[in-house]
Amino acid sequence: MAMMVVLLGPADGEFCLRPDHAYELARLGVTNVALLRDEQTVGIVLEGWSFDPAQSERAASAVGAAGARTLHPILQLAVSSDRLSFGGVE
């Protein structure tokens, strides 16, 4: 699953995901959207099996955040509480 994070700074104001935003994201292959926020930044996580993060400019524009910072994942892994062994070393 491809993922991208769009970061909006405080100057960007409030964020609202409107139906037309959702429609355009779906057209780009996005199937999941998560909204994160603290006092200074809004983060929008976009995920989808057919989403191509190379379309980041279009995806940021689709959520009304043209010119926003976009982050692309460099590592994604699942973690488990099971004890792992790497090359015979625990």
PDB file of N, CA and C in Angstrom:
ATOM      1  N   MET A   1       0.853  -1.177   0.000  1.00  0.00           N
ATOM      2  CA  MET A   1       0.000   0.000   0.000  1.00  0.00           C
ATOM      3  C   MET A   1       0.896   1.236   0.000  1.00  0.00           C
ATOM      4  N   ALA A   2       0.641   2.153  -0.902  1.00  0.00           N
ATOM      5  CA  ALA A   2       1.401   3.395  -0.969  1.00  0.00           C
ATOM      6  C   ALA A   2       0.867   4.378   0.060  1.00  0.00           C
ATOM      7  N   MET A   3       1.772   5.219   0.556  1.00  0.00           N
ATOM      8  CA  MET A   3       1.403   6.189   1.593  1.00  0.00           C
ATOM      9  C   MET A   3       2.143   7.497   1.344  1.00  0.00           C
ATOM     10  N   MET A   4       1.505   8.583   1.732  1.00  0.00           N
ATOM     11  CA  MET A   4       2.108   9.907   1.661  1.00  0.00           C
ATOM     12  C   MET A   4       1.520  10.748   2.783  1.00  0.00           C
ATOM     13  N   VAL A   5       2.332  11.652   3.335  1.00  0.00           N
ATOM     14  CA  VAL A   5       1.861  12.575   4.363  1.00  0.00           C
ATOM     15  C   VAL A   5       1.971  13.994   3.820  1.00  0.00           C
ATOM     16  N   VAL A   6       0.910  14.760   3.950  1.00  0.00           N
ATOM     17  CA  VAL A   6       0.890  16.168   3.552  1.00  0.00           C
ATOM     18  C   VAL A   6       0.908  16.984   4.835  1.00  0.00           C
ATOM     19  N   LEU A   7       1.877  17.900   4.952  1.00  0.00           N
ATOM     20  CA  LEU A   7       1.989  18.744   6.146  1.00  0.00           C
ATOM     21  C   LEU A   7       1.572  20.168   5.832  1.00  0.00           C
ATOM     22  N   LEU A   8       0.666  20.688   6.643  1.00  0.00           N
ATOM     23  CA  LEU A   8       0.211  22.073   6.526  1.00  0.00           C
ATOM     24  C   LEU A   8       0.670  22.830   7.760  1.00  0.00           C
ATOM     25  N   GLY A   9       1.252  23.983   7.560  1.00  0.00           N
ATOM     26  CA  GLY A   9       1.701  24.797   8.686  1.00  0.00           C
ATOM     27  C   GLY A   9       0.579  25.640   9.253  1.00  0.00           C
ATOM     28  N   PRO A  10       0.873  26.364  10.339  1.00  0.00           N
ATOM     29  CA  PRO A  10      -0.159  27.175  10.992  1.00  0.00           C
ATOM     30  C   PRO A  10      -0.719  28.276  10.100  1.00  0.00           C
ATOM     31  N   ALA A  11       0.064  28.753   9.157  1.00  0.00           N
ATOM     32  CA  ALA A  11      -0.405  29.824   8.271  1.00  0.00           C
ATOM     33  C   ALA A  11      -1.478  29.329   7.313  1.00  0.00           C
ATOM     34  N   ASP A  12      -1.584  27.989   7.165  1.00  0.00           N
ATOM     35  CA  ASP A  12      -2.567  27.431   6.240  1.00  0.00           C
ATOM     36  C   ASP A  12      -3.972  27.408   6.830  1.00  0.00           C
ATOM     37  N   GLY A  13      -4.106  27.738   8.119  1.00  0.00           N
ATOM     38  CA  GLY A  13      -5.423  27.814   8.746  1.00  0.00           C
ATOM     39  C   GLY A  13      -6.066  26.469   8.986  1.00  0.00           C
ATOM     40  N   GLU A  14      -7.369  26.471   9.105  1.00  0.00           N
ATOM     41  CA  GLU A  14      -8.136  25.258   9.357  1.00  0.00           C
ATOM     42  C   GLU A  14      -8.184  24.388   8.116  1.00  0.00           C
ATOM     43  N   PHE A  15      -8.349  23.104   8.337  1.00  0.00           N
ATOM     44  CA  PHE A  15      -8.442  22.160   7.233  1.00  0.00           C
ATOM     45  C   PHE A  15      -9.816  21.510   7.239  1.00  0.00           C
ATOM     46  N   CYS A  16     -10.402  21.359   6.071  1.00  0.00           N
ATOM     47  CA  CYS A  16     -11.707  20.716   5.937  1.00  0.00           C
ATOM     48  C   CYS A  16     -11.661  19.813   4.707  1.00  0.00           C
ATOM     49  N   LEU A  17     -11.988  18.533   4.880  1.00  0.00           N
ATOM     50  CA  LEU A  17     -12.037  17.600   3.767  1.00  0.00           C
ATOM     51  C   LEU A  17     -13.464  17.581   3.219  1.00  0.00           C
ATOM     52  N   ARG A  18     -13.658  18.236   2.088  1.00  0.00           N
ATOM     53  CA  ARG A  18     -14.981  18.337   1.473  1.00  0.00           C
ATOM     54  C   ARG A  18     -15.232  17.163   0.536  1.00  0.00           C
ATOM     55  N   PRO A  19     -16.489  16.927   0.180  1.00  0.00           N
ATOM     56  CA  PRO A  19     -16.813  15.814  -0.730  1.00  0.00           C
ATOM     57  C   PRO A  19     -16.039  15.864  -2.047  1.00  0.00           C
ATOM     58  N   ASP A  20     -15.830  17.054  -2.604  1.00  0.00           N
ATOM     59  CA  ASP A  20     -15.070  17.128  -3.859  1.00  0.00           C
ATOM     60  C   ASP A  20     -13.616  16.724  -3.646  1.00  0.00           C
ATOM     61  N   HIS A  21     -13.043  17.006  -2.451  1.00  0.00           N
ATOM     62  CA  HIS A  21     -11.692  16.541  -2.122  1.00  0.00           C
ATOM     63  C   HIS A  21     -11.661  15.011  -2.106  1.00  0.00           C
ATOM     64  N   ALA A  22     -12.627  14.412  -1.420  1.00  0.00           N
ATOM     65  CA  ALA A  22     -12.681  12.952  -1.301  1.00  0.00           C
ATOM     66  C   ALA A  22     -12.826  12.301  -2.681  1.00  0.00           C
ATOM     67  N   TYR A  23     -13.628  12.877  -3.527  1.00  0.00           N
ATOM     68  CA  TYR A  23     -13.819  12.337  -4.872  1.00  0.00           C
ATOM     69  C   TYR A  23     -12.507  12.361  -5.653  1.00  0.00           C
ATOM     70  N   GLU A  24     -11.802  13.479  -5.607  1.00  0.00           N
ATOM     71  CA  GLU A  24     -10.533  13.592  -6.341  1.00  0.00           C
ATOM     72  C   GLU A  24      -9.485  12.639  -5.775  1.00  0.00           C
ATOM     73  N   LEU A  25      -9.437  12.489  -4.445  1.00  0.00           N
ATOM     74  CA  LEU A  25      -8.502  11.535  -3.841  1.00  0.00           C
ATOM     75  C   LEU A  25      -8.813  10.114  -4.305  1.00  0.00           C
ATOM     76  N   ALA A  26     -10.078   9.757  -4.349  1.00  0.00           N
ATOM     77  CA  ALA A  26     -10.466   8.426  -4.818  1.00  0.00           C
ATOM     78  C   ALA A  26     -10.029   8.222  -6.265  1.00  0.00           C
ATOM     79  N   ARG A  27     -10.158   9.248  -7.080  1.00  0.00           N
ATOM     80  CA  ARG A  27      -9.706   9.158  -8.477  1.00  0.00           C
ATOM     81  C   ARG A  27      -8.204   8.918  -8.565  1.00  0.00           C
ATOM     82  N   LEU A  28      -7.434   9.415  -7.578  1.00  0.00           N
ATOM     83  CA  LEU A  28      -5.984   9.228  -7.545  1.00  0.00           C
ATOM     84  C   LEU A  28      -5.586   7.892  -6.912  1.00  0.00           C
ATOM     85  N   GLY A  29      -6.564   7.104  -6.450  1.00  0.00           N
ATOM     86  CA  GLY A  29      -6.258   5.807  -5.872  1.00  0.00           C
ATOM     87  C   GLY A  29      -6.172   5.789  -4.363  1.00  0.00           C
ATOM     88  N   VAL A  30      -6.490   6.906  -3.709  1.00  0.00           N
ATOM     89  CA  VAL A  30      -6.456   6.966  -2.246  1.00  0.00           C
ATOM     90  C   VAL A  30      -7.709   6.296  -1.699  1.00  0.00           C
ATOM     91  N   THR A  31      -7.522   5.363  -0.737  1.00  0.00           N
ATOM     92  CA  THR A  31      -8.652   4.680  -0.126  1.00  0.00           C
ATOM     93  C   THR A  31      -8.775   4.976   1.363  1.00  0.00           C
ATOM     94  N   ASN A  32      -7.710   5.496   1.990  1.00  0.00           N
ATOM     95  CA  ASN A  32      -7.734   5.825   3.416  1.00  0.00           C
ATOM     96  C   ASN A  32      -7.125   7.203   3.637  1.00  0.00           C
ATOM     97  N   VAL A  33      -7.766   7.992   4.484  1.00  0.00           N
ATOM     98  CA  VAL A  33      -7.270   9.318   4.845  1.00  0.00           C
ATOM     99  C   VAL A  33      -7.298   9.420   6.363  1.00  0.00           C
ATOM    100  N   ALA A  34      -6.183   9.856   6.949  1.00  0.00           N
ATOM    101  CA  ALA A  34      -6.130  10.117   8.391  1.00  0.00           C
ATOM    102  C   ALA A  34      -5.700  11.562   8.585  1.00  0.00           C
ATOM    103  N   LEU A  35      -6.306  12.229   9.533  1.00  0.00           N
ATOM    104  CA  LEU A  35      -5.996  13.623   9.829  1.00  0.00           C
ATOM    105  C   LEU A  35      -5.340  13.691  11.203  1.00  0.00           C
ATOM    106  N   LEU A  36      -4.167  14.323  11.259  1.00  0.00           N
ATOM    107  CA  LEU A  36      -3.402  14.475  12.496  1.00  0.00           C
ATOM    108  C   LEU A  36      -3.194  15.952  12.754  1.00  0.00           C
ATOM    109  N   ARG A  37      -3.093  16.323  14.033  1.00  0.00           N
ATOM    110  CA  ARG A  37      -2.942  17.746  14.325  1.00  0.00           C
ATOM    111  C   ARG A  37      -2.291  17.962  15.678  1.00  0.00           C
ATOM    112  N   ASP A  38      -1.462  18.998  15.768  1.00  0.00           N
ATOM    113  CA  ASP A  38      -1.027  19.535  17.048  1.00  0.00           C
ATOM    114  C   ASP A  38      -1.254  21.040  16.977  1.00  0.00           C
ATOM    115  N   GLU A  39      -0.673  21.798  17.894  1.00  0.00           N
ATOM    116  CA  GLU A  39      -0.927  23.241  17.934  1.00  0.00           C
ATOM    117  C   GLU A  39      -0.360  23.972  16.725  1.00  0.00           C
ATOM    118  N   GLN A  40       0.632  23.367  16.040  1.00  0.00           N
ATOM    119  CA  GLN A  40       1.336  24.077  14.975  1.00  0.00           C
ATOM    120  C   GLN A  40       1.128  23.509  13.578  1.00  0.00           C
ATOM    121  N   THR A  41       0.800  22.229  13.482  1.00  0.00           N
ATOM    122  CA  THR A  41       0.805  21.568  12.178  1.00  0.00           C
ATOM    123  C   THR A  41      -0.399  20.649  12.006  1.00  0.00           C
ATOM    124  N   VAL A  42      -0.895  20.596  10.788  1.00  0.00           N
ATOM    125  CA  VAL A  42      -1.907  19.619  10.404  1.00  0.00           C
ATOM    126  C   VAL A  42      -1.214  18.629   9.473  1.00  0.00           C
ATOM    127  N   GLY A  43      -1.412  17.339   9.713  1.00  0.00           N
ATOM    128  CA  GLY A  43      -0.870  16.294   8.847  1.00  0.00           C
ATOM    129  C   GLY A  43      -2.013  15.488   8.271  1.00  0.00           C
ATOM    130  N   ILE A  44      -1.940  15.208   6.989  1.00  0.00           N
ATOM    131  CA  ILE A  44      -2.944  14.406   6.309  1.00  0.00           C
ATOM    132  C   ILE A  44      -2.228  13.187   5.743  1.00  0.00           C
ATOM    133  N   VAL A  45      -2.594  12.001   6.219  1.00  0.00           N
ATOM    134  CA  VAL A  45      -1.993  10.756   5.745  1.00  0.00           C
ATOM    135  C   VAL A  45      -2.896  10.188   4.663  1.00  0.00           C
ATOM    136  N   LEU A  46      -2.340   9.974   3.475  1.00  0.00           N
ATOM    137  CA  LEU A  46      -3.077   9.429   2.344  1.00  0.00           C
ATOM    138  C   LEU A  46      -2.522   8.048   2.031  1.00  0.00           C
ATOM    139  N   GLU A  47      -3.401   7.055   1.922  1.00  0.00           N
ATOM    140  CA  GLU A  47      -2.980   5.691   1.627  1.00  0.00           C
ATOM    141  C   GLU A  47      -3.898   5.080   0.577  1.00  0.00           C
ATOM    142  N   GLY A  48      -3.344   4.164  -0.200  1.00  0.00           N
ATOM    143  CA  GLY A  48      -4.165   3.438  -1.162  1.00  0.00           C
ATOM    144  C   GLY A  48      -3.363   2.421  -1.931  1.00  0.00           C
ATOM    145  N   TRP A  49      -3.996   1.294  -2.245  1.00  0.00           N
ATOM    146  CA  TRP A  49      -3.307   0.237  -2.988  1.00  0.00           C
ATOM    147  C   TRP A  49      -2.959   0.697  -4.397  1.00  0.00           C
ATOM    148  N   SER A  50      -3.782   1.502  -5.022  1.00  0.00           N
ATOM    149  CA  SER A  50      -3.481   1.953  -6.385  1.00  0.00           C
ATOM    150  C   SER A  50      -3.029   3.412  -6.406  1.00  0.00           C
ATOM    151  N   PHE A  51      -2.733   3.973  -5.237  1.00  0.00           N
ATOM    152  CA  PHE A  51      -2.256   5.361  -5.142  1.00  0.00           C
ATOM    153  C   PHE A  51      -0.778   5.412  -5.512  1.00  0.00           C
ATOM    154  N   ASP A  52      -0.406   6.351  -6.352  1.00  0.00           N
ATOM    155  CA  ASP A  52       0.984   6.552  -6.752  1.00  0.00           C
ATOM    156  C   ASP A  52       1.482   7.846  -6.117  1.00  0.00           C
ATOM    157  N   PRO A  53       2.356   7.751  -5.090  1.00  0.00           N
ATOM    158  CA  PRO A  53       2.840   8.961  -4.425  1.00  0.00           C
ATOM    159  C   PRO A  53       3.575   9.928  -5.355  1.00  0.00           C
ATOM    160  N   ALA A  54       3.959   9.465  -6.540  1.00  0.00           N
ATOM    161  CA  ALA A  54       4.559  10.374  -7.516  1.00  0.00           C
ATOM    162  C   ALA A  54       3.555  11.448  -7.924  1.00  0.00           C
ATOM    163  N   GLN A  55       2.277  11.214  -7.620  1.00  0.00           N
ATOM    164  CA  GLN A  55       1.218  12.179  -7.895  1.00  0.00           C
ATOM    165  C   GLN A  55       1.041  13.137  -6.720  1.00  0.00           C
ATOM    166  N   SER A  56       2.077  13.326  -5.913  1.00  0.00           N
ATOM    167  CA  SER A  56       1.954  14.095  -4.669  1.00  0.00           C
ATOM    168  C   SER A  56       1.434  15.510  -4.892  1.00  0.00           C
ATOM    169  N   GLU A  57       1.848  16.144  -5.952  1.00  0.00           N
ATOM    170  CA  GLU A  57       1.368  17.509  -6.229  1.00  0.00           C
ATOM    171  C   GLU A  57      -0.145  17.503  -6.447  1.00  0.00           C
ATOM    172  N   ARG A  58      -0.625  16.538  -7.220  1.00  0.00           N
ATOM    173  CA  ARG A  58      -2.072  16.438  -7.479  1.00  0.00           C
ATOM    174  C   ARG A  58      -2.829  16.059  -6.211  1.00  0.00           C
ATOM    175  N   ALA A  59      -2.246  15.158  -5.398  1.00  0.00           N
ATOM    176  CA  ALA A  59      -2.920  14.732  -4.168  1.00  0.00           C
ATOM    177  C   ALA A  59      -2.998  15.884  -3.171  1.00  0.00           C
ATOM    178  N   ALA A  60      -1.920  16.642  -3.026  1.00  0.00           N
ATOM    179  CA  ALA A  60      -1.926  17.798  -2.121  1.00  0.00           C
ATOM    180  C   ALA A  60      -2.935  18.824  -2.607  1.00  0.00           C
ATOM    181  N   SER A  61      -2.982  19.018  -3.903  1.00  0.00           N
ATOM    182  CA  SER A  61      -3.956  19.948  -4.477  1.00  0.00           C
ATOM    183  C   SER A  61      -5.382  19.448  -4.258  1.00  0.00           C
ATOM    184  N   ALA A  62      -5.562  18.124  -4.312  1.00  0.00           N
ATOM    185  CA  ALA A  62      -6.897  17.536  -4.144  1.00  0.00           C
ATOM    186  C   ALA A  62      -7.464  17.785  -2.758  1.00  0.00           C
ATOM    187  N   VAL A  63      -6.606  17.946  -1.761  1.00  0.00           N
ATOM    188  CA  VAL A  63      -7.094  18.231  -0.407  1.00  0.00           C
ATOM    189  C   VAL A  63      -7.018  19.724  -0.108  1.00  0.00           C
ATOM    190  N   GLY A  64      -6.816  20.525  -1.134  1.00  0.00           N
ATOM    191  CA  GLY A  64      -6.783  21.970  -0.942  1.00  0.00           C
ATOM    192  C   GLY A  64      -5.509  22.456  -0.288  1.00  0.00           C
ATOM    193  N   ALA A  65      -4.400  21.724  -0.503  1.00  0.00           N
ATOM    194  CA  ALA A  65      -3.141  22.065   0.153  1.00  0.00           C
ATOM    195  C   ALA A  65      -2.015  22.230  -0.856  1.00  0.00           C
ATOM    196  N   ALA A  66      -2.302  22.874  -1.981  1.00  0.00           N
ATOM    197  CA  ALA A  66      -1.267  23.085  -2.987  1.00  0.00           C
ATOM    198  C   ALA A  66      -0.088  23.822  -2.372  1.00  0.00           C
ATOM    199  N   GLY A  67       1.117  23.349  -2.663  1.00  0.00           N
ATOM    200  CA  GLY A  67       2.317  23.974  -2.124  1.00  0.00           C
ATOM    201  C   GLY A  67       2.692  23.505  -0.730  1.00  0.00           C
ATOM    202  N   ALA A  68       1.926  22.580  -0.151  1.00  0.00           N
ATOM    203  CA  ALA A  68       2.235  22.057   1.181  1.00  0.00           C
ATOM    204  C   ALA A  68       3.440  21.128   1.101  1.00  0.00           C
ATOM    205  N   ARG A  69       4.061  20.885   2.247  1.00  0.00           N
ATOM    206  CA  ARG A  69       5.148  19.906   2.320  1.00  0.00           C
ATOM    207  C   ARG A  69       4.574  18.510   2.211  1.00  0.00           C
ATOM    208  N   THR A  70       5.217  17.655   1.435  1.00  0.00           N
ATOM    209  CA  THR A  70       4.782  16.268   1.329  1.00  0.00           C
ATOM    210  C   THR A  70       5.919  15.351   1.753  1.00  0.00           C
ATOM    211  N   LEU A  71       5.590  14.338   2.544  1.00  0.00           N
ATOM    212  CA  LEU A  71       6.561  13.356   2.995  1.00  0.00           C
ATOM    213  C   LEU A  71       6.211  12.012   2.393  1.00  0.00           C
ATOM    214  N   HIS A  72       7.233  11.313   1.913  1.00  0.00           N
ATOM    215  CA  HIS A  72       7.058   9.984   1.353  1.00  0.00           C
ATOM    216  C   HIS A  72       7.759   8.988   2.272  1.00  0.00           C
ATOM    217  N   PRO A  73       7.166   7.812   2.484  1.00  0.00           N
ATOM    218  CA  PRO A  73       7.785   6.844   3.385  1.00  0.00           C
ATOM    219  C   PRO A  73       9.090   6.290   2.820  1.00  0.00           C
ATOM    220  N   ILE A  74      10.049   6.071   3.703  1.00  0.00           N
ATOM    221  CA  ILE A  74      11.289   5.414   3.299  1.00  0.00           C
ATOM    222  C   ILE A  74      11.405   4.037   3.941  1.00  0.00           C
ATOM    223  N   LEU A  75      10.570   3.766   4.947  1.00  0.00           N
ATOM    224  CA  LEU A  75      10.555   2.459   5.583  1.00  0.00           C
ATOM    225  C   LEU A  75       9.180   2.216   6.174  1.00  0.00           C
ATOM    226  N   GLN A  76       8.680   1.022   5.955  1.00  0.00           N
ATOM    227  CA  GLN A  76       7.420   0.625   6.575  1.00  0.00           C
ATOM    228  C   GLN A  76       7.558  -0.835   6.948  1.00  0.00           C
ATOM    229  N   LEU A  77       7.283  -1.172   8.209  1.00  0.00           N
ATOM    230  CA  LEU A  77       7.384  -2.543   8.645  1.00  0.00           C
ATOM    231  C   LEU A  77       6.370  -2.825   9.728  1.00  0.00           C
ATOM    232  N   ALA A  78       6.045  -4.089   9.867  1.00  0.00           N
ATOM    233  CA  ALA A  78       5.139  -4.521  10.927  1.00  0.00           C
ATOM    234  C   ALA A  78       5.994  -4.982  12.101  1.00  0.00           C
ATOM    235  N   VAL A  79       5.572  -4.702  13.306  1.00  0.00           N
ATOM    236  CA  VAL A  79       6.308  -5.124  14.491  1.00  0.00           C
ATOM    237  C   VAL A  79       5.486  -6.132  15.265  1.00  0.00           C
ATOM    238  N   SER A  80       6.177  -6.953  16.016  1.00  0.00           N
ATOM    239  CA  SER A  80       5.530  -8.004  16.782  1.00  0.00           C
ATOM    240  C   SER A  80       6.251  -8.149  18.109  1.00  0.00           C
ATOM    241  N   SER A  81       5.541  -8.658  19.114  1.00  0.00           N
ATOM    242  CA  SER A  81       6.177  -8.878  20.412  1.00  0.00           C
ATOM    243  C   SER A  81       6.874 -10.240  20.460  1.00  0.00           C
ATOM    244  N   ASP A  82       6.767 -11.036  19.390  1.00  0.00           N
ATOM    245  CA  ASP A  82       7.469 -12.317  19.330  1.00  0.00           C
ATOM    246  C   ASP A  82       8.970 -12.081  19.285  1.00  0.00           C
ATOM    247  N   ARG A  83       9.713 -12.968  19.935  1.00  0.00           N
ATOM    248  CA  ARG A  83      11.173 -12.863  19.942  1.00  0.00           C
ATOM    249  C   ARG A  83      11.700 -13.264  18.561  1.00  0.00           C
ATOM    250  N   LEU A  84      12.555 -12.438  17.998  1.00  0.00           N
ATOM    251  CA  LEU A  84      13.092 -12.685  16.658  1.00  0.00           C
ATOM    252  C   LEU A  84      14.529 -13.166  16.753  1.00  0.00           C
ATOM    253  N   SER A  85      14.955 -13.898  15.749  1.00  0.00           N
ATOM    254  CA  SER A  85      16.321 -14.357  15.657  1.00  0.00           C
ATOM    255  C   SER A  85      16.878 -13.911  14.315  1.00  0.00           C
ATOM    256  N   PHE A  86      18.008 -13.206  14.327  1.00  0.00           N
ATOM    257  CA  PHE A  86      18.650 -12.748  13.116  1.00  0.00           C
ATOM    258  C   PHE A  86      19.986 -13.468  12.949  1.00  0.00           C
ATOM    259  N   GLY A  87      20.074 -14.358  11.995  1.00  0.00           N
ATOM    260  CA  GLY A  87      21.319 -15.054  11.717  1.00  0.00           C
ATOM    261  C   GLY A  87      21.849 -15.850  12.912  1.00  0.00           C
ATOM    262  N   GLY A  88      20.960 -16.441  13.687  1.00  0.00           N
ATOM    263  CA  GLY A  88      21.376 -17.229  14.829  1.00  0.00           C
ATOM    264  C   GLY A  88      21.619 -16.417  16.096  1.00  0.00           C
ATOM    265  N   VAL A  89      21.510 -15.096  16.003  1.00  0.00           N
ATOM    266  CA  VAL A  89      21.708 -14.231  17.166  1.00  0.00           C
ATOM    267  C   VAL A  89      20.345 -13.745  17.656  1.00  0.00           C
ATOM    268  N   GLU A  90      20.086 -13.925  18.942  1.00  0.00           N
ATOM    269  CA  GLU A  90      18.800 -13.454  19.488  1.00  0.00           C
ATOM    270  C   GLU A  90      18.961 -12.144  20.198  1.00  0.00           C
TER     271      GLU A  90
END
